[in-house]
Amino acid sequence: IPGRSLSRSTLTWTLAGGLLIPFVLLLLTTSS
């Protein structure tokens, strides 16, 4: 939406957090 762009910090944290989610869940799921 024009005029509602995300800030640089919000964008960075969103992308980084999203990419890490599968690996965090792997750590919480597997024991080996």
PDB file of all heavy atoms in Angstrom:
ATOM      1  N   ILE A   1       0.849  -1.191   0.000  1.00  0.00           N
ATOM      2  CA  ILE A   1       0.000   0.000   0.000  1.00  0.00           C
ATOM      3  C   ILE A   1       0.885   1.241   0.000  1.00  0.00           C
ATOM      4  O   ILE A   1       1.694   1.425   0.908  1.00  0.00           O
ATOM      5  CB  ILE A   1      -0.924   0.017   1.227  1.00  0.00           C
ATOM      6  CG1 ILE A   1      -1.809  -1.223   1.248  1.00  0.00           C
ATOM      7  CG2 ILE A   1      -1.784   1.286   1.228  1.00  0.00           C
ATOM      8  CD1 ILE A   1      -2.644  -1.354   2.508  1.00  0.00           C
ATOM      9  N   PRO A   2       0.770   2.102  -1.003  1.00  0.00           N
ATOM     10  CA  PRO A   2       1.582   3.322  -1.033  1.00  0.00           C
ATOM     11  C   PRO A   2       1.413   4.142   0.251  1.00  0.00           C
ATOM     12  O   PRO A   2       0.302   4.353   0.724  1.00  0.00           O
ATOM     13  CB  PRO A   2       1.032   4.083  -2.253  1.00  0.00           C
ATOM     14  CG  PRO A   2       0.498   3.011  -3.147  1.00  0.00           C
ATOM     15  CD  PRO A   2      -0.075   1.980  -2.210  1.00  0.00           C
ATOM     16  N   GLY A   3       2.536   4.541   0.816  1.00  0.00           N
ATOM     17  CA  GLY A   3       2.512   5.313   2.047  1.00  0.00           C
ATOM     18  C   GLY A   3       2.567   4.482   3.308  1.00  0.00           C
ATOM     19  O   GLY A   3       2.623   5.029   4.408  1.00  0.00           O
ATOM     20  N   ARG A   4       2.546   3.157   3.179  1.00  0.00           N
ATOM     21  CA  ARG A   4       2.580   2.287   4.360  1.00  0.00           C
ATOM     22  C   ARG A   4       3.751   1.310   4.305  1.00  0.00           C
ATOM     23  O   ARG A   4       3.684   0.201   4.824  1.00  0.00           O
ATOM     24  CB  ARG A   4       1.256   1.516   4.492  1.00  0.00           C
ATOM     25  CG  ARG A   4       0.032   2.410   4.664  1.00  0.00           C
ATOM     26  CD  ARG A   4      -1.138   1.618   5.189  1.00  0.00           C
ATOM     27  NE  ARG A   4      -0.876   1.073   6.511  1.00  0.00           N
ATOM     28  CZ  ARG A   4      -1.692   0.225   7.148  1.00  0.00           C
ATOM     29  NH1 ARG A   4      -2.812  -0.169   6.544  1.00  0.00           N
ATOM     30  NH2 ARG A   4      -1.408  -0.229   8.336  1.00  0.00           N
ATOM     31  N   SER A   5       4.817   1.732   3.678  1.00  0.00           N
ATOM     32  CA  SER A   5       5.995   0.877   3.550  1.00  0.00           C
ATOM     33  C   SER A   5       6.588   0.561   4.922  1.00  0.00           C
ATOM     34  O   SER A   5       6.562   1.392   5.839  1.00  0.00           O
ATOM     35  CB  SER A   5       7.055   1.557   2.678  1.00  0.00           C
ATOM     36  OG  SER A   5       6.561   1.772   1.376  1.00  0.00           O
ATOM     37  N   LEU A   6       7.129  -0.617   5.058  1.00  0.00           N
ATOM     38  CA  LEU A   6       7.780  -1.029   6.304  1.00  0.00           C
ATOM     39  C   LEU A   6       9.109  -0.319   6.460  1.00  0.00           C
ATOM     40  O   LEU A   6       9.798  -0.023   5.480  1.00  0.00           O
ATOM     41  CB  LEU A   6       7.995  -2.540   6.306  1.00  0.00           C
ATOM     42  CG  LEU A   6       6.745  -3.430   6.169  1.00  0.00           C
ATOM     43  CD1 LEU A   6       7.165  -4.889   6.090  1.00  0.00           C
ATOM     44  CD2 LEU A   6       5.804  -3.210   7.343  1.00  0.00           C
ATOM     45  N   SER A   7       9.478  -0.073   7.696  1.00  0.00           N
ATOM     46  CA  SER A   7      10.778   0.538   7.956  1.00  0.00           C
ATOM     47  C   SER A   7      11.884  -0.469   7.660  1.00  0.00           C
ATOM     48  O   SER A   7      11.639  -1.677   7.581  1.00  0.00           O
ATOM     49  CB  SER A   7      10.879   0.987   9.413  1.00  0.00           C
ATOM     50  OG  SER A   7      10.846  -0.137  10.282  1.00  0.00           O
ATOM     51  N   ARG A   8      13.104   0.031   7.519  1.00  0.00           N
ATOM     52  CA  ARG A   8      14.221  -0.855   7.199  1.00  0.00           C
ATOM     53  C   ARG A   8      14.454  -1.876   8.295  1.00  0.00           C
ATOM     54  O   ARG A   8      14.714  -3.055   8.031  1.00  0.00           O
ATOM     55  CB  ARG A   8      15.487  -0.021   6.981  1.00  0.00           C
ATOM     56  CG  ARG A   8      16.700  -0.862   6.591  1.00  0.00           C
ATOM     57  CD  ARG A   8      17.902   0.011   6.290  1.00  0.00           C
ATOM     58  NE  ARG A   8      17.635   0.903   5.164  1.00  0.00           N
ATOM     59  CZ  ARG A   8      18.519   1.781   4.698  1.00  0.00           C
ATOM     60  NH1 ARG A   8      19.719   1.893   5.282  1.00  0.00           N
ATOM     61  NH2 ARG A   8      18.206   2.542   3.675  1.00  0.00           N
ATOM     62  N   SER A   9      14.350  -1.457   9.557  1.00  0.00           N
ATOM     63  CA  SER A   9      14.587  -2.385  10.667  1.00  0.00           C
ATOM     64  C   SER A   9      13.496  -3.455  10.730  1.00  0.00           C
ATOM     65  O   SER A   9      13.782  -4.643  10.929  1.00  0.00           O
ATOM     66  CB  SER A   9      14.650  -1.618  11.991  1.00  0.00           C
ATOM     67  OG  SER A   9      13.429  -0.934  12.234  1.00  0.00           O
ATOM     68  N   THR A  10      12.240  -3.040  10.531  1.00  0.00           N
ATOM     69  CA  THR A  10      11.144  -4.016  10.539  1.00  0.00           C
ATOM     70  C   THR A  10      11.294  -5.016   9.407  1.00  0.00           C
ATOM     71  O   THR A  10      11.097  -6.224   9.582  1.00  0.00           O
ATOM     72  CB  THR A  10       9.789  -3.298  10.409  1.00  0.00           C
ATOM     73  OG1 THR A  10       9.622  -2.408  11.514  1.00  0.00           O
ATOM     74  CG2 THR A  10       8.641  -4.300  10.391  1.00  0.00           C
ATOM     75  N   LEU A  11      11.672  -4.521   8.244  1.00  0.00           N
ATOM     76  CA  LEU A  11      11.869  -5.394   7.089  1.00  0.00           C
ATOM     77  C   LEU A  11      12.994  -6.386   7.346  1.00  0.00           C
ATOM     78  O   LEU A  11      12.862  -7.585   7.066  1.00  0.00           O
ATOM     79  CB  LEU A  11      12.171  -4.548   5.859  1.00  0.00           C
ATOM     80  CG  LEU A  11      12.474  -5.290   4.563  1.00  0.00           C
ATOM     81  CD1 LEU A  11      11.292  -6.139   4.144  1.00  0.00           C
ATOM     82  CD2 LEU A  11      12.834  -4.306   3.469  1.00  0.00           C
ATOM     83  N   THR A  12      14.100  -5.908   7.904  1.00  0.00           N
ATOM     84  CA  THR A  12      15.249  -6.777   8.172  1.00  0.00           C
ATOM     85  C   THR A  12      14.894  -7.874   9.162  1.00  0.00           C
ATOM     86  O   THR A  12      15.196  -9.056   8.939  1.00  0.00           O
ATOM     87  CB  THR A  12      16.426  -5.947   8.715  1.00  0.00           C
ATOM     88  OG1 THR A  12      16.790  -4.957   7.747  1.00  0.00           O
ATOM     89  CG2 THR A  12      17.623  -6.839   9.012  1.00  0.00           C
ATOM     90  N   TRP A  13      14.243  -7.497  10.255  1.00  0.00           N
ATOM     91  CA  TRP A  13      13.875  -8.480  11.272  1.00  0.00           C
ATOM     92  C   TRP A  13      12.842  -9.471  10.746  1.00  0.00           C
ATOM     93  O   TRP A  13      12.873 -10.659  11.085  1.00  0.00           O
ATOM     94  CB  TRP A  13      13.347  -7.780  12.521  1.00  0.00           C
ATOM     95  CG  TRP A  13      14.421  -7.196  13.382  1.00  0.00           C
ATOM     96  CD1 TRP A  13      14.724  -5.879  13.545  1.00  0.00           C
ATOM     97  CD2 TRP A  13      15.352  -7.920  14.185  1.00  0.00           C
ATOM     98  NE1 TRP A  13      15.790  -5.733  14.392  1.00  0.00           N
ATOM     99  CE2 TRP A  13      16.197  -6.969  14.811  1.00  0.00           C
ATOM    100  CE3 TRP A  13      15.566  -9.263  14.444  1.00  0.00           C
ATOM    101  CZ2 TRP A  13      17.224  -7.331  15.674  1.00  0.00           C
ATOM    102  CZ3 TRP A  13      16.598  -9.631  15.299  1.00  0.00           C
ATOM    103  CH2 TRP A  13      17.408  -8.672  15.906  1.00  0.00           C
ATOM    104  N   THR A  14      11.930  -9.004   9.913  1.00  0.00           N
ATOM    105  CA  THR A  14      10.910  -9.897   9.360  1.00  0.00           C
ATOM    106  C   THR A  14      11.534 -10.940   8.446  1.00  0.00           C
ATOM    107  O   THR A  14      11.225 -12.136   8.547  1.00  0.00           O
ATOM    108  CB  THR A  14       9.847  -9.089   8.593  1.00  0.00           C
ATOM    109  OG1 THR A  14       9.239  -8.141   9.466  1.00  0.00           O
ATOM    110  CG2 THR A  14       8.774 -10.007   8.028  1.00  0.00           C
ATOM    111  N   LEU A  15      12.394 -10.494   7.542  1.00  0.00           N
ATOM    112  CA  LEU A  15      13.039 -11.429   6.624  1.00  0.00           C
ATOM    113  C   LEU A  15      13.952 -12.393   7.367  1.00  0.00           C
ATOM    114  O   LEU A  15      13.920 -13.610   7.123  1.00  0.00           O
ATOM    115  CB  LEU A  15      13.834 -10.654   5.568  1.00  0.00           C
ATOM    116  CG  LEU A  15      13.009  -9.881   4.532  1.00  0.00           C
ATOM    117  CD1 LEU A  15      13.917  -9.012   3.670  1.00  0.00           C
ATOM    118  CD2 LEU A  15      12.209 -10.840   3.657  1.00  0.00           C
ATOM    119  N   ALA A  16      14.758 -11.865   8.282  1.00  0.00           N
ATOM    120  CA  ALA A  16      15.684 -12.723   9.026  1.00  0.00           C
ATOM    121  C   ALA A  16      14.926 -13.718   9.895  1.00  0.00           C
ATOM    122  O   ALA A  16      15.255 -14.915   9.938  1.00  0.00           O
ATOM    123  CB  ALA A  16      16.614 -11.863   9.880  1.00  0.00           C
ATOM    124  N   GLY A  17      13.915 -13.230  10.597  1.00  0.00           N
ATOM    125  CA  GLY A  17      13.130 -14.123  11.451  1.00  0.00           C
ATOM    126  C   GLY A  17      12.413 -15.194  10.660  1.00  0.00           C
ATOM    127  O   GLY A  17      12.374 -16.360  11.064  1.00  0.00           O
ATOM    128  N   GLY A  18      11.853 -14.811   9.515  1.00  0.00           N
ATOM    129  CA  GLY A  18      11.157 -15.789   8.690  1.00  0.00           C
ATOM    130  C   GLY A  18      12.075 -16.883   8.182  1.00  0.00           C
ATOM    131  O   GLY A  18      11.716 -18.066   8.196  1.00  0.00           O
ATOM    132  N   LEU A  19      13.259 -16.513   7.755  1.00  0.00           N
ATOM    133  CA  LEU A  19      14.211 -17.500   7.244  1.00  0.00           C
ATOM    134  C   LEU A  19      14.718 -18.433   8.335  1.00  0.00           C
ATOM    135  O   LEU A  19      15.096 -19.580   8.064  1.00  0.00           O
ATOM    136  CB  LEU A  19      15.387 -16.793   6.573  1.00  0.00           C
ATOM    137  CG  LEU A  19      15.064 -16.069   5.253  1.00  0.00           C
ATOM    138  CD1 LEU A  19      16.258 -15.242   4.798  1.00  0.00           C
ATOM    139  CD2 LEU A  19      14.668 -17.063   4.167  1.00  0.00           C
ATOM    140  N   LEU A  20      14.716 -17.962   9.573  1.00  0.00           N
ATOM    141  CA  LEU A  20      15.235 -18.779  10.680  1.00  0.00           C
ATOM    142  C   LEU A  20      14.196 -19.731  11.255  1.00  0.00           C
ATOM    143  O   LEU A  20      14.549 -20.710  11.916  1.00  0.00           O
ATOM    144  CB  LEU A  20      15.760 -17.871  11.798  1.00  0.00           C
ATOM    145  CG  LEU A  20      17.105 -17.180  11.545  1.00  0.00           C
ATOM    146  CD1 LEU A  20      17.418 -16.216  12.679  1.00  0.00           C
ATOM    147  CD2 LEU A  20      18.221 -18.208  11.407  1.00  0.00           C
ATOM    148  N   ILE A  21      12.927 -19.451  11.022  1.00  0.00           N
ATOM    149  CA  ILE A  21      11.871 -20.243  11.660  1.00  0.00           C
ATOM    150  C   ILE A  21      12.019 -21.748  11.415  1.00  0.00           C
ATOM    151  O   ILE A  21      11.946 -22.539  12.370  1.00  0.00           O
ATOM    152  CB  ILE A  21      10.480 -19.753  11.202  1.00  0.00           C
ATOM    153  CG1 ILE A  21      10.142 -18.429  11.888  1.00  0.00           C
ATOM    154  CG2 ILE A  21       9.397 -20.789  11.520  1.00  0.00           C
ATOM    155  CD1 ILE A  21       8.843 -17.806  11.418  1.00  0.00           C
ATOM    156  N   PRO A  22      12.220 -22.215  10.175  1.00  0.00           N
ATOM    157  CA  PRO A  22      12.325 -23.672   9.979  1.00  0.00           C
ATOM    158  C   PRO A  22      13.468 -24.297  10.773  1.00  0.00           C
ATOM    159  O   PRO A  22      13.336 -25.427  11.264  1.00  0.00           O
ATOM    160  CB  PRO A  22      12.556 -23.803   8.465  1.00  0.00           C
ATOM    161  CG  PRO A  22      11.989 -22.558   7.878  1.00  0.00           C
ATOM    162  CD  PRO A  22      12.287 -21.492   8.885  1.00  0.00           C
ATOM    163  N   PHE A  23      14.560 -23.578  10.911  1.00  0.00           N
ATOM    164  CA  PHE A  23      15.722 -24.133  11.615  1.00  0.00           C
ATOM    165  C   PHE A  23      15.524 -24.109  13.128  1.00  0.00           C
ATOM    166  O   PHE A  23      15.959 -25.007  13.836  1.00  0.00           O
ATOM    167  CB  PHE A  23      16.974 -23.362  11.211  1.00  0.00           C
ATOM    168  CG  PHE A  23      17.224 -23.382   9.732  1.00  0.00           C
ATOM    169  CD1 PHE A  23      16.869 -22.306   8.941  1.00  0.00           C
ATOM    170  CD2 PHE A  23      17.776 -24.496   9.115  1.00  0.00           C
ATOM    171  CE1 PHE A  23      17.073 -22.319   7.570  1.00  0.00           C
ATOM    172  CE2 PHE A  23      17.986 -24.536   7.748  1.00  0.00           C
ATOM    173  CZ  PHE A  23      17.631 -23.440   6.975  1.00  0.00           C
ATOM    174  N   VAL A  24      14.848 -23.090  13.625  1.00  0.00           N
ATOM    175  CA  VAL A  24      14.528 -23.049  15.055  1.00  0.00           C
ATOM    176  C   VAL A  24      13.594 -24.186  15.419  1.00  0.00           C
ATOM    177  O   VAL A  24      13.782 -24.871  16.440  1.00  0.00           O
ATOM    178  CB  VAL A  24      13.904 -21.686  15.428  1.00  0.00           C
ATOM    179  CG1 VAL A  24      13.389 -21.709  16.865  1.00  0.00           C
ATOM    180  CG2 VAL A  24      14.911 -20.556  15.254  1.00  0.00           C
ATOM    181  N   LEU A  25      12.589 -24.420  14.586  1.00  0.00           N
ATOM    182  CA  LEU A  25      11.665 -25.522  14.858  1.00  0.00           C
ATOM    183  C   LEU A  25      12.356 -26.876  14.750  1.00  0.00           C
ATOM    184  O   LEU A  25      12.007 -27.820  15.476  1.00  0.00           O
ATOM    185  CB  LEU A  25      10.474 -25.463  13.889  1.00  0.00           C
ATOM    186  CG  LEU A  25       9.539 -24.270  14.065  1.00  0.00           C
ATOM    187  CD1 LEU A  25       8.322 -24.413  13.166  1.00  0.00           C
ATOM    188  CD2 LEU A  25       9.102 -24.117  15.513  1.00  0.00           C
ATOM    189  N   LEU A  26      13.337 -26.971  13.854  1.00  0.00           N
ATOM    190  CA  LEU A  26      14.108 -28.211  13.775  1.00  0.00           C
ATOM    191  C   LEU A  26      14.844 -28.466  15.088  1.00  0.00           C
ATOM    192  O   LEU A  26      14.855 -29.592  15.600  1.00  0.00           O
ATOM    193  CB  LEU A  26      15.105 -28.140  12.612  1.00  0.00           C
ATOM    194  CG  LEU A  26      16.066 -29.328  12.495  1.00  0.00           C
ATOM    195  CD1 LEU A  26      15.304 -30.601  12.138  1.00  0.00           C
ATOM    196  CD2 LEU A  26      17.143 -29.051  11.448  1.00  0.00           C
ATOM    197  N   LEU A  27      15.445 -27.411  15.637  1.00  0.00           N
ATOM    198  CA  LEU A  27      16.161 -27.543  16.906  1.00  0.00           C
ATOM    199  C   LEU A  27      15.228 -27.976  18.028  1.00  0.00           C
ATOM    200  O   LEU A  27      15.617 -28.727  18.921  1.00  0.00           O
ATOM    201  CB  LEU A  27      16.833 -26.223  17.272  1.00  0.00           C
ATOM    202  CG  LEU A  27      18.003 -25.776  16.395  1.00  0.00           C
ATOM    203  CD1 LEU A  27      18.453 -24.384  16.799  1.00  0.00           C
ATOM    204  CD2 LEU A  27      19.157 -26.761  16.498  1.00  0.00           C
ATOM    205  N   LEU A  28      13.989 -27.495  17.982  1.00  0.00           N
ATOM    206  CA  LEU A  28      13.028 -27.819  19.032  1.00  0.00           C
ATOM    207  C   LEU A  28      12.366 -29.171  18.820  1.00  0.00           C
ATOM    208  O   LEU A  28      11.724 -29.698  19.735  1.00  0.00           O
ATOM    209  CB  LEU A  28      11.941 -26.733  19.086  1.00  0.00           C
ATOM    210  CG  LEU A  28      12.408 -25.324  19.470  1.00  0.00           C
ATOM    211  CD1 LEU A  28      11.253 -24.341  19.363  1.00  0.00           C
ATOM    212  CD2 LEU A  28      12.988 -25.319  20.874  1.00  0.00           C
ATOM    213  N   THR A  29      12.517 -29.743  17.628  1.00  0.00           N
ATOM    214  CA  THR A  29      11.829 -30.995  17.311  1.00  0.00           C
ATOM    215  C   THR A  29      12.728 -32.213  17.435  1.00  0.00           C
ATOM    216  O   THR A  29      12.331 -33.241  17.993  1.00  0.00           O
ATOM    217  CB  THR A  29      11.258 -30.943  15.879  1.00  0.00           C
ATOM    218  OG1 THR A  29      10.347 -29.852  15.776  1.00  0.00           O
ATOM    219  CG2 THR A  29      10.529 -32.232  15.533  1.00  0.00           C
ATOM    220  N   THR A  30      13.936 -32.101  16.908  1.00  0.00           N
ATOM    221  CA  THR A  30      14.797 -33.284  16.830  1.00  0.00           C
ATOM    222  C   THR A  30      15.744 -33.382  18.018  1.00  0.00           C
ATOM    223  O   THR A  30      16.088 -32.376  18.654  1.00  0.00           O
ATOM    224  CB  THR A  30      15.616 -33.265  15.522  1.00  0.00           C
ATOM    225  OG1 THR A  30      16.275 -34.518  15.368  1.00  0.00           O
ATOM    226  CG2 THR A  30      16.656 -32.150  15.547  1.00  0.00           C
ATOM    227  N   SER A  31      16.146 -34.583  18.299  1.00  0.00           N
ATOM    228  CA  SER A  31      17.135 -34.821  19.357  1.00  0.00           C
ATOM    229  C   SER A  31      18.456 -35.307  18.770  1.00  0.00           C
ATOM    230  O   SER A  31      19.412 -35.538  19.492  1.00  0.00           O
ATOM    231  CB  SER A  31      16.608 -35.866  20.351  1.00  0.00           C
ATOM    232  OG  SER A  31      16.297 -37.087  19.680  1.00  0.00           O
ATOM    233  N   SER A  32      18.479 -35.472  17.451  1.00  0.00           N
ATOM    234  CA  SER A  32      19.683 -35.939  16.776  1.00  0.00           C
ATOM    235  C   SER A  32      19.763 -35.312  15.395  1.00  0.00           C
ATOM    236  O   SER A  32      18.747 -35.164  14.714  1.00  0.00           O
ATOM    237  CB  SER A  32      19.661 -37.471  16.650  1.00  0.00           C
ATOM    238  OG  SER A  32      20.748 -37.935  15.883  1.00  0.00           O
TER     239      SER A  32
END
